[in-house]
Amino acid sequence: MTVMRVAVIGGGFSGTAFALQLARRADGPVAIDIIEPRPQLGGGVAYSSSDPAHRINVPAARMTIFADDEGHFDRWIRREGAVDDDPAATLPDDRIFPRRAVFGRYVRGVLQEALALSPARLAHIAERAQAIHREGAGYRVTLSGGGAIEADLVVLATSHPPPAAPAALAPLAGLAKFIADPWAPEALAAVGPDDRVLIVGTGLTMADIVASLERRGHRGSVVAVSRRGLLSRGHPPAPVEAKGDFATRPAVTALELLRRIRRAVDAAGAAGLSWHGVLDAVRRDAYPIWRALPVAERSRLVRHLRAFWDVHRYRVAPQVEAAIARAAAQGRFQVIKADLGAVVAGDDGIVVDLRPRKGQRPAPTRLVFDAVVVATGPAHGSVIAGNPALASLAVAGLVTADAHGLGLAVDLRSHVLDADGKAQETLLVAGPLARGTFGELMGLPQVALHAEQVAEIVAEWLRRQAPAAQARQRALV
């Protein structure tokens, strides 16, 4: 091959942002093949949603594909009139929370602008990657349609795995009103307007489900259940500045970090400020915080504090928060802190036993529902086994899970570590699959920055390969 070929596995935000940044850095011809089964690039699970109730959960002014230009998306919205048909998107203080599909359109538009100015050629292969095999110095990627492509370098940018239904819900498999994947197209179509609905999980996905049900005219009761009963927090009434410094002399234990955050929140409260600025500072300093923690302390943080971090870090959009508040005010929505017990589908509905957590007030021990929706979040533990392409790499010993069960093991330059711990120069990760090494790598600003960093690493590699590629070209002539 005289033109170097880069295969990107996954064309959601991570893969598309990487491809865009690589195209901007290309010094000469390079073929970028994005393998993504969805008909359009840039959307992924989150930004492909066509449900008008699904909104981005941070203000547009803080969403961008360019890490050094925070307001780029907000300016694009205003220039394109992208929310002119959606008056609910703009708050009285002029903050914009558009529908998620708008951000997907933005990503695709910016990608096309970059490609028009680049010598790189991009192809969207609308199939799934079924297997990836090392062949000589390169790779062969087998596609779901039966074909295959060759690549000199592969970037893994696959999306989050779908939710894993708790084992207690196994008796509901195959039931029309058991919705195991709420992100599937028209997933909630089976829910009737008066159905009694159980949502398993209380995070952002649950909030989106409640908002979607309201938009569909749902009038029945909704119960959300989780072990901790934690709801995603809302945004402050007005923008706040990050407050605090967690990068200078960072904590070296999870407990010390927790105590520092609590002290900073207490100090902010004493000064009449909300906790939001403190958590924003923690997010800003997340990488040095993570790097300072020993592996055992990182695992302890994930095990004990991740759920609390998630509900403060990943906030619910004001419009979605309002939908939950309306349902609660009408007496149709409640949150129960409990574990799932026996679940049985009967003639009168789905009977669910709830077991109160130790030390908690007894929850209702038995409730009856018409529909059950799983909203437990991505099943990160099955990220390799649930993806045939990653599984093929694992069988060959080319990838391994990270120590915390969050994704794949990579080095500090995002090269995948094989079963022997050796970095693979031509096999990289872009996006959340690398967060076991980098920590906070789920929020869009961090993913955008990581895409830029990986693109620069790949661009450097391509420059080093250029003399050999040119020699091959001359030999063919």
Protein backbone atom coordinates (compact mmCIF):
# COMPACT_ATOMS: atom_id res chain seq x y z
CA MET A 1 0.00 0.00 0.00
CA THR A 2 1.54 3.31 -1.07
CA VAL A 3 -0.98 5.41 0.85
CA MET A 4 -0.97 4.77 4.59
CA ARG A 5 -4.30 3.52 5.87
CA VAL A 6 -5.74 4.18 9.33
CA ALA A 7 -8.78 2.17 10.45
CA VAL A 8 -10.99 3.68 13.13
CA ILE A 9 -13.23 1.18 14.90
CA GLY A 10 -16.29 3.18 15.95
CA GLY A 11 -17.67 6.37 14.45
CA GLY A 12 -19.39 7.99 17.41
CA PHE A 13 -18.02 11.18 18.91
CA SER A 14 -14.64 9.67 19.91
CA GLY A 15 -13.87 8.11 16.54
CA THR A 16 -15.14 11.05 14.52
CA ALA A 17 -13.30 13.61 16.65
CA PHE A 18 -10.09 11.63 16.22
CA ALA A 19 -10.56 11.39 12.44
CA LEU A 20 -11.24 15.12 12.21
CA GLN A 21 -8.13 15.97 14.20
CA LEU A 22 -5.98 13.59 12.17
CA ALA A 23 -7.28 15.11 8.92
CA ARG A 24 -6.30 18.56 10.22
CA ARG A 25 -2.78 17.32 10.92
CA ALA A 26 -2.23 15.32 7.73
CA ASP A 27 0.84 16.46 5.78
CA GLY A 28 0.07 14.24 2.82
CA PRO A 29 -2.34 11.60 1.56
CA VAL A 30 -3.69 9.23 4.20
CA ALA A 31 -6.76 7.01 3.97
CA ILE A 32 -8.98 7.05 7.06
CA ASP A 33 -11.59 4.28 7.17
CA ILE A 34 -14.21 4.67 9.91
CA ILE A 35 -16.08 1.44 10.58
CA GLU A 36 -19.41 2.45 12.09
CA PRO A 37 -22.72 0.62 11.50
CA ARG A 38 -24.90 3.68 12.07
CA PRO A 39 -25.84 5.54 8.89
CA GLN A 40 -24.20 8.76 10.09
CA LEU A 41 -20.93 9.55 11.80
CA GLY A 42 -20.50 11.62 14.93
CA GLY A 43 -23.60 10.56 16.83
CA GLY A 44 -22.85 7.33 18.63
CA VAL A 45 -25.27 6.20 21.32
CA ALA A 46 -25.81 9.64 22.81
CA TYR A 47 -25.98 12.00 19.84
CA SER A 48 -27.88 9.78 17.40
CA SER A 49 -31.06 9.97 19.45
CA SER A 50 -34.05 11.25 17.51
CA ASP A 51 -36.13 11.69 20.68
CA PRO A 52 -36.85 15.42 21.11
CA ALA A 53 -36.84 14.95 24.90
CA HIS A 54 -33.16 13.93 24.90
CA ARG A 55 -30.95 16.97 25.47
CA ILE A 56 -27.26 17.48 26.03
CA ASN A 57 -26.71 17.74 29.76
CA VAL A 58 -24.30 20.69 29.82
CA PRO A 59 -24.75 24.17 28.32
CA ALA A 60 -23.78 24.40 24.66
CA ALA A 61 -21.15 27.00 25.59
CA ARG A 62 -19.21 24.18 27.27
CA MET A 63 -19.61 21.63 24.44
CA THR A 64 -17.12 21.59 21.59
CA ILE A 65 -15.11 19.31 19.38
CA PHE A 66 -12.10 21.62 19.79
CA ALA A 67 -10.57 21.47 23.26
CA ASP A 68 -9.02 24.94 22.90
CA ASP A 69 -12.25 26.64 21.76
CA GLU A 70 -14.92 26.01 24.38
CA GLY A 71 -17.59 28.17 22.78
CA HIS A 72 -17.33 26.74 19.26
CA PHE A 73 -20.55 24.68 19.41
CA ASP A 74 -22.53 27.55 20.93
CA ARG A 75 -21.43 29.88 18.12
CA TRP A 76 -22.28 27.23 15.53
CA ILE A 77 -25.81 26.88 16.96
CA ARG A 78 -26.44 30.62 16.78
CA ARG A 79 -24.90 30.96 13.32
CA GLU A 80 -26.85 28.03 11.89
CA GLY A 81 -30.10 28.80 13.72
CA ALA A 82 -29.97 25.21 14.93
CA VAL A 83 -32.51 25.69 17.74
CA ASP A 84 -34.82 28.17 16.06
CA ASP A 85 -37.51 25.46 15.95
CA ASP A 86 -36.93 24.51 19.59
CA PRO A 87 -37.71 27.47 21.89
CA ALA A 88 -37.42 25.27 24.99
CA ALA A 89 -33.71 24.81 24.27
CA THR A 90 -32.78 28.33 25.38
CA LEU A 91 -33.10 29.32 29.04
CA PRO A 92 -33.98 32.85 30.17
CA ASP A 93 -30.28 33.47 30.97
CA ASP A 94 -29.40 32.59 27.31
CA ARG A 95 -27.81 29.22 28.11
CA ILE A 96 -28.67 26.67 25.42
CA PHE A 97 -29.39 22.98 26.07
CA PRO A 98 -30.19 21.70 22.58
CA ARG A 99 -31.48 18.28 21.61
CA ARG A 100 -28.73 15.71 21.37
CA ALA A 101 -29.19 15.19 17.65
CA VAL A 102 -28.14 18.82 17.10
CA PHE A 103 -24.71 18.06 18.48
CA GLY A 104 -24.40 15.09 16.13
CA ARG A 105 -25.16 17.40 13.18
CA TYR A 106 -22.54 19.84 14.41
CA VAL A 107 -19.85 17.14 14.60
CA ARG A 108 -20.60 15.98 11.06
CA GLY A 109 -20.56 19.52 9.73
CA VAL A 110 -17.21 20.36 11.29
CA LEU A 111 -15.77 17.08 10.00
CA GLN A 112 -16.76 17.95 6.43
CA GLU A 113 -15.19 21.39 6.78
CA ALA A 114 -11.91 19.84 7.93
CA LEU A 115 -11.87 17.25 5.14
CA ALA A 116 -12.38 19.93 2.50
CA LEU A 117 -9.04 21.48 3.53
CA SER A 118 -7.11 18.24 4.07
CA PRO A 119 -5.17 15.83 1.84
CA ALA A 120 -6.66 13.00 3.92
CA ARG A 121 -9.39 10.85 2.38
CA LEU A 122 -12.12 9.55 4.65
CA ALA A 123 -14.49 6.65 4.02
CA HIS A 124 -17.42 5.67 6.21
CA ILE A 125 -17.87 1.90 6.13
CA ALA A 126 -21.39 1.36 7.46
CA GLU A 127 -20.77 -2.09 8.89
CA ARG A 128 -19.53 -3.65 12.12
CA ALA A 129 -15.98 -4.76 12.71
CA GLN A 130 -16.26 -8.47 13.43
CA ALA A 131 -12.58 -9.28 13.94
CA ILE A 132 -9.16 -7.64 13.83
CA HIS A 133 -6.10 -9.73 13.02
CA ARG A 134 -2.45 -8.79 12.83
CA GLU A 135 -1.07 -9.49 9.37
CA GLY A 136 2.60 -8.74 8.89
CA ALA A 137 3.22 -5.14 9.92
CA GLY A 138 -0.43 -4.22 9.56
CA TYR A 139 -3.97 -5.44 10.28
CA ARG A 140 -6.88 -7.05 8.53
CA VAL A 141 -10.32 -5.98 9.74
CA THR A 142 -13.14 -8.39 8.92
CA LEU A 143 -16.51 -6.72 8.38
CA SER A 144 -20.04 -7.86 9.21
CA GLY A 145 -20.96 -7.88 5.52
CA GLY A 146 -18.33 -10.53 4.79
CA GLY A 147 -15.65 -8.25 3.34
CA ALA A 148 -12.47 -6.96 4.92
CA ILE A 149 -10.13 -3.98 4.82
CA GLU A 150 -6.42 -3.64 5.47
CA ALA A 151 -4.83 -1.01 7.67
CA ASP A 152 -1.36 0.05 8.75
CA LEU A 153 -2.66 1.36 12.07
CA VAL A 154 -5.88 0.81 14.03
CA VAL A 155 -7.57 3.17 16.49
CA LEU A 156 -10.15 1.62 18.80
CA ALA A 157 -12.94 4.13 19.48
CA THR A 158 -15.86 1.83 20.15
CA SER A 159 -18.94 3.06 21.98
CA HIS A 160 -20.02 2.18 25.48
CA PRO A 161 -21.44 -1.33 25.82
CA PRO A 162 -25.22 -1.48 26.32
CA PRO A 163 -26.69 -1.84 29.82
CA ALA A 164 -26.53 -5.27 31.41
CA ALA A 165 -29.85 -6.28 32.93
CA PRO A 166 -29.51 -7.37 36.56
CA ALA A 167 -29.72 -11.14 37.01
CA ALA A 168 -32.96 -10.75 38.96
CA LEU A 169 -34.68 -9.59 35.75
CA ALA A 170 -33.79 -12.74 33.80
CA PRO A 171 -37.38 -14.12 34.09
CA LEU A 172 -38.55 -11.16 31.97
CA ALA A 173 -36.41 -12.00 28.93
CA GLY A 174 -38.51 -11.91 25.78
CA LEU A 175 -41.38 -10.01 27.40
CA ALA A 176 -42.63 -7.21 25.14
CA LYS A 177 -42.68 -4.67 27.96
CA PHE A 178 -39.27 -5.58 29.32
CA ILE A 179 -36.96 -2.97 27.79
CA ALA A 180 -33.38 -4.10 28.29
CA ASP A 181 -31.84 -1.38 26.09
CA PRO A 182 -33.57 2.00 26.46
CA TRP A 183 -31.37 3.48 23.70
CA ALA A 184 -32.69 1.16 21.01
CA PRO A 185 -34.86 2.98 18.42
CA GLU A 186 -38.44 3.39 19.67
CA ALA A 187 -37.53 1.42 22.79
CA LEU A 188 -40.38 2.97 24.79
CA ALA A 189 -43.05 2.43 22.13
CA ALA A 190 -44.33 -0.65 24.00
CA VAL A 191 -45.15 1.38 27.14
CA GLY A 192 -48.83 2.29 27.30
CA PRO A 193 -50.02 5.72 28.53
CA ASP A 194 -51.33 4.35 31.84
CA ASP A 195 -48.73 1.64 32.41
CA ARG A 196 -47.09 1.32 35.79
CA VAL A 197 -43.38 1.59 34.98
CA LEU A 198 -40.35 0.39 36.92
CA ILE A 199 -37.02 1.92 35.92
CA VAL A 200 -34.00 0.03 37.26
CA GLY A 201 -31.37 2.70 37.79
CA THR A 202 -31.61 6.32 38.92
CA GLY A 203 -28.95 8.17 36.88
CA LEU A 204 -29.03 10.23 33.71
CA THR A 205 -30.54 7.45 31.62
CA MET A 206 -33.45 7.20 34.03
CA ALA A 207 -33.97 10.96 33.79
CA ASP A 208 -34.08 10.76 29.99
CA ILE A 209 -36.61 7.94 30.17
CA VAL A 210 -38.93 9.96 32.41
CA ALA A 211 -38.70 12.95 30.04
CA SER A 212 -39.38 10.70 27.04
CA LEU A 213 -42.39 9.12 28.70
CA GLU A 214 -43.82 12.57 29.47
CA ARG A 215 -43.39 13.62 25.84
CA ARG A 216 -45.26 10.48 24.79
CA GLY A 217 -48.19 11.40 27.04
CA HIS A 218 -47.53 8.81 29.71
CA ARG A 219 -49.88 9.24 32.70
CA GLY A 220 -49.06 6.17 34.79
CA SER A 221 -46.82 5.85 37.82
CA VAL A 222 -43.05 5.62 37.54
CA VAL A 223 -40.83 4.07 40.20
CA ALA A 224 -37.04 4.31 39.90
CA VAL A 225 -35.02 1.91 42.01
CA SER A 226 -31.31 1.59 42.70
CA ARG A 227 -29.07 0.38 45.50
CA ARG A 228 -28.17 3.91 46.60
CA GLY A 229 -31.16 5.84 45.28
CA LEU A 230 -28.93 8.62 43.95
CA LEU A 231 -30.37 11.08 41.43
CA SER A 232 -28.21 13.10 39.03
CA ARG A 233 -27.91 16.64 40.33
CA GLY A 234 -28.96 19.72 38.40
CA HIS A 235 -27.05 22.74 37.18
CA PRO A 236 -26.60 25.94 39.19
CA PRO A 237 -29.07 28.72 38.36
CA ALA A 238 -26.23 30.68 36.76
CA PRO A 239 -22.74 29.77 35.49
CA VAL A 240 -20.09 29.41 38.22
CA GLU A 241 -16.31 29.45 38.19
CA ALA A 242 -14.27 26.41 39.18
CA LYS A 243 -13.17 26.83 42.80
CA GLY A 244 -10.33 24.97 44.45
CA ASP A 245 -6.97 23.41 43.64
CA PHE A 246 -6.71 19.63 43.72
CA ALA A 247 -3.69 19.29 41.41
CA THR A 248 -1.09 20.87 43.71
CA ARG A 249 0.08 18.17 46.13
CA PRO A 250 -2.78 15.87 45.06
CA ALA A 251 -4.28 13.38 47.48
CA VAL A 252 -2.69 9.94 47.54
CA THR A 253 -5.66 8.04 48.99
CA ALA A 254 -9.34 7.97 48.09
CA LEU A 255 -10.25 8.93 51.66
CA GLU A 256 -7.93 11.93 51.66
CA LEU A 257 -9.40 13.08 48.34
CA LEU A 258 -12.94 12.75 49.70
CA ARG A 259 -12.05 14.78 52.79
CA ARG A 260 -10.45 17.54 50.70
CA ILE A 261 -13.52 17.79 48.50
CA ARG A 262 -15.84 17.93 51.50
CA ARG A 263 -13.77 20.68 53.13
CA ALA A 264 -13.82 22.67 49.89
CA VAL A 265 -17.60 22.26 49.56
CA ASP A 266 -18.09 23.37 53.19
CA ALA A 267 -15.88 26.43 52.60
CA ALA A 268 -17.79 27.32 49.44
CA GLY A 269 -21.08 27.00 51.30
CA ALA A 270 -19.81 29.28 54.07
CA ALA A 271 -19.00 31.85 51.39
CA GLY A 272 -22.47 31.59 49.93
CA LEU A 273 -21.35 29.54 46.92
CA SER A 274 -22.73 26.24 45.61
CA TRP A 275 -20.86 22.95 45.42
CA HIS A 276 -20.86 23.07 41.63
CA GLY A 277 -17.68 25.15 41.36
CA VAL A 278 -15.78 22.76 43.63
CA LEU A 279 -16.78 19.70 41.59
CA ASP A 280 -15.87 21.58 38.42
CA ALA A 281 -12.39 22.12 39.87
CA VAL A 282 -12.14 18.41 40.67
CA ARG A 283 -13.11 17.61 37.08
CA ARG A 284 -10.53 20.09 35.76
CA ASP A 285 -7.80 18.51 37.91
CA ALA A 286 -8.98 14.93 37.37
CA TYR A 287 -5.93 13.71 35.48
CA PRO A 288 -3.28 14.74 38.07
CA ILE A 289 -5.60 13.47 40.81
CA TRP A 290 -5.86 10.07 39.12
CA ARG A 291 -2.13 9.85 38.36
CA ALA A 292 -1.24 10.54 42.00
CA LEU A 293 -3.36 7.68 43.33
CA PRO A 294 -1.77 4.22 43.63
CA VAL A 295 -3.56 1.47 41.70
CA ALA A 296 -5.21 0.09 44.85
CA GLU A 297 -6.53 3.56 45.77
CA ARG A 298 -7.89 4.08 42.26
CA SER A 299 -9.79 0.82 42.57
CA ARG A 300 -11.06 1.88 45.99
CA LEU A 301 -12.25 5.20 44.56
CA VAL A 302 -14.08 3.43 41.70
CA ARG A 303 -15.67 0.93 44.06
CA HIS A 304 -16.83 3.31 46.79
CA LEU A 305 -17.06 6.83 45.32
CA ARG A 306 -17.76 6.50 41.61
CA ALA A 307 -21.55 6.52 42.02
CA PHE A 308 -21.41 9.74 44.05
CA TRP A 309 -19.01 11.35 41.59
CA ASP A 310 -21.20 10.44 38.63
CA VAL A 311 -24.37 12.11 39.97
CA HIS A 312 -22.50 15.35 40.73
CA ARG A 313 -20.27 15.38 37.66
CA TYR A 314 -22.85 14.36 35.01
CA ARG A 315 -25.71 16.75 35.64
CA VAL A 316 -29.20 16.59 34.30
CA ALA A 317 -30.37 19.17 31.75
CA PRO A 318 -32.79 21.73 33.25
CA GLN A 319 -35.59 20.73 30.87
CA VAL A 320 -35.24 17.07 31.85
CA GLU A 321 -34.97 17.97 35.53
CA ALA A 322 -38.24 19.91 35.16
CA ALA A 323 -39.96 16.85 33.66
CA ILE A 324 -38.98 14.78 36.70
CA ALA A 325 -40.17 17.54 39.03
CA ARG A 326 -43.55 17.67 37.29
CA ALA A 327 -44.02 13.92 37.56
CA ALA A 328 -43.09 14.01 41.25
CA ALA A 329 -45.45 16.94 41.94
CA GLN A 330 -48.28 14.96 40.36
CA GLY A 331 -47.49 12.00 42.62
CA ARG A 332 -46.50 9.83 39.65
CA PHE A 333 -42.78 9.50 40.34
CA GLN A 334 -40.79 8.18 43.26
CA VAL A 335 -37.31 6.86 43.95
CA ILE A 336 -36.78 3.78 46.10
CA LYS A 337 -33.44 2.75 47.54
CA ALA A 338 -33.45 -1.05 47.46
CA ASP A 339 -32.12 -4.22 45.88
CA LEU A 340 -34.17 -6.30 43.48
CA GLY A 341 -35.58 -9.49 44.91
CA ALA A 342 -37.80 -12.00 43.16
CA VAL A 343 -39.31 -10.88 39.83
CA VAL A 344 -42.24 -12.75 38.33
CA ALA A 345 -44.33 -11.99 35.24
CA GLY A 346 -47.96 -12.87 35.96
CA ASP A 347 -51.41 -12.32 34.51
CA ASP A 348 -51.88 -9.09 36.46
CA GLY A 349 -48.47 -7.64 35.67
CA ILE A 350 -44.83 -7.92 36.66
CA VAL A 351 -44.50 -8.58 40.38
CA VAL A 352 -41.26 -7.24 41.87
CA ASP A 353 -40.00 -7.78 45.40
CA LEU A 354 -37.74 -5.04 46.71
CA ARG A 355 -35.29 -5.67 49.52
CA PRO A 356 -34.31 -2.65 51.64
CA ARG A 357 -30.61 -2.03 52.03
CA LYS A 358 -29.09 -2.81 55.40
CA GLY A 359 -29.76 -0.01 57.88
CA GLN A 360 -32.38 1.67 55.67
CA ARG A 361 -36.08 2.13 56.28
CA PRO A 362 -38.08 -0.76 54.87
CA ALA A 363 -39.11 -0.16 51.27
CA PRO A 364 -42.38 -1.51 49.88
CA THR A 365 -41.70 -5.22 49.74
CA ARG A 366 -43.82 -6.02 46.70
CA LEU A 367 -44.98 -3.83 43.81
CA VAL A 368 -46.70 -4.63 40.52
CA PHE A 369 -45.73 -3.04 37.20
CA ASP A 370 -46.79 -3.23 33.59
CA ALA A 371 -43.37 -2.39 32.12
CA VAL A 372 -39.75 -2.59 33.28
CA VAL A 373 -36.93 -0.50 31.78
CA VAL A 374 -33.23 -1.10 32.44
CA ALA A 375 -31.26 2.10 33.04
CA THR A 376 -28.20 0.77 34.85
CA GLY A 377 -25.66 2.40 32.54
CA PRO A 378 -23.02 0.81 30.31
CA ALA A 379 -21.85 -2.69 31.24
CA HIS A 380 -18.16 -1.80 31.31
CA GLY A 381 -17.23 -5.21 32.67
CA SER A 382 -18.21 -6.84 29.37
CA VAL A 383 -16.48 -4.31 27.13
CA ILE A 384 -14.20 -6.96 25.58
CA ALA A 385 -16.42 -10.04 25.65
CA GLY A 386 -19.39 -8.08 24.29
CA ASN A 387 -17.51 -6.72 21.27
CA PRO A 388 -16.37 -9.33 18.72
CA ALA A 389 -13.60 -7.14 17.32
CA LEU A 390 -12.10 -6.51 20.76
CA ALA A 391 -12.62 -10.16 21.68
CA SER A 392 -10.58 -11.25 18.64
CA LEU A 393 -7.73 -8.99 19.74
CA ALA A 394 -7.94 -10.40 23.26
CA VAL A 395 -7.74 -13.99 21.96
CA ALA A 396 -4.56 -13.01 20.13
CA GLY A 397 -3.18 -11.48 23.30
CA LEU A 398 -3.09 -8.00 21.79
CA VAL A 399 -5.46 -6.29 24.28
CA THR A 400 -6.29 -6.71 27.95
CA ALA A 401 -8.73 -5.09 30.34
CA ASP A 402 -7.42 -2.36 32.62
CA ALA A 403 -6.97 -3.01 36.32
CA HIS A 404 -10.20 -1.24 37.27
CA GLY A 405 -12.62 -2.85 34.82
CA LEU A 406 -13.30 0.43 33.02
CA GLY A 407 -11.92 -0.37 29.58
CA LEU A 408 -8.63 -1.39 27.96
CA ALA A 409 -5.12 -1.18 29.37
CA VAL A 410 -3.11 1.52 27.56
CA ASP A 411 0.10 3.42 28.18
CA LEU A 412 0.40 7.18 28.68
CA ARG A 413 0.44 7.68 24.91
CA SER A 414 -2.77 5.65 24.49
CA HIS A 415 -1.05 2.65 22.89
CA VAL A 416 -2.78 -0.60 23.78
CA LEU A 417 -0.88 -2.87 26.17
CA ASP A 418 -0.82 -6.51 25.15
CA ALA A 419 -1.03 -9.52 27.46
CA ASP A 420 2.67 -9.12 28.29
CA GLY A 421 2.27 -5.42 29.09
CA LYS A 422 4.04 -4.34 25.90
CA ALA A 423 2.77 -1.22 24.13
CA GLN A 424 1.53 -1.78 20.57
CA GLU A 425 2.74 1.15 18.47
CA THR A 426 0.11 0.72 15.76
CA LEU A 427 -2.88 -0.11 17.98
CA LEU A 428 -4.31 2.80 19.97
CA VAL A 429 -7.43 3.80 21.89
CA ALA A 430 -9.31 7.07 21.50
CA GLY A 431 -12.01 7.88 24.03
CA PRO A 432 -13.52 6.39 27.19
CA LEU A 433 -12.00 2.93 26.73
CA ALA A 434 -8.71 4.50 27.91
CA ARG A 435 -10.03 5.93 31.16
CA GLY A 436 -8.44 3.27 33.33
CA THR A 437 -5.16 5.04 32.56
CA PHE A 438 -6.35 8.64 32.34
CA GLY A 439 -9.19 8.74 34.89
CA GLU A 440 -11.86 11.27 33.95
CA LEU A 441 -12.45 10.39 30.30
CA MET A 442 -16.22 10.25 29.95
CA GLY A 443 -17.20 13.92 29.76
CA LEU A 444 -17.12 15.37 26.25
CA PRO A 445 -14.43 18.05 26.86
CA GLN A 446 -12.00 15.39 28.09
CA VAL A 447 -12.87 13.05 25.20
CA ALA A 448 -12.31 15.87 22.69
CA LEU A 449 -8.91 16.66 24.20
CA HIS A 450 -7.94 12.99 24.18
CA ALA A 451 -8.94 12.71 20.52
CA GLU A 452 -6.57 15.58 19.71
CA GLN A 453 -3.73 13.98 21.66
CA VAL A 454 -4.17 10.60 19.97
CA ALA A 455 -4.41 12.28 16.55
CA GLU A 456 -1.10 14.04 17.16
CA ILE A 457 0.54 10.73 18.15
CA VAL A 458 -0.78 9.04 15.00
CA ALA A 459 0.25 12.01 12.84
CA GLU A 460 3.78 11.76 14.23
CA TRP A 461 3.84 8.05 13.39
CA LEU A 462 2.65 8.73 9.84
CA ARG A 463 5.42 11.29 9.36
CA ARG A 464 7.98 8.71 10.39
CA GLN A 465 6.54 6.25 7.87
CA ALA A 466 6.48 8.75 5.00
CA PRO A 467 9.99 7.99 3.58
CA ALA A 468 9.23 4.26 3.31
CA ALA A 469 5.84 4.95 1.68
CA GLN A 470 7.49 7.28 -0.82
CA ALA A 471 10.09 4.62 -1.63
CA ARG A 472 7.32 2.11 -2.33
CA GLN A 473 5.65 4.64 -4.61
CA ARG A 474 8.85 5.19 -6.57
CA ALA A 475 9.34 1.45 -6.90
CA LEU A 476 5.89 1.09 -8.42
CA VAL A 477 6.59 3.86 -10.90
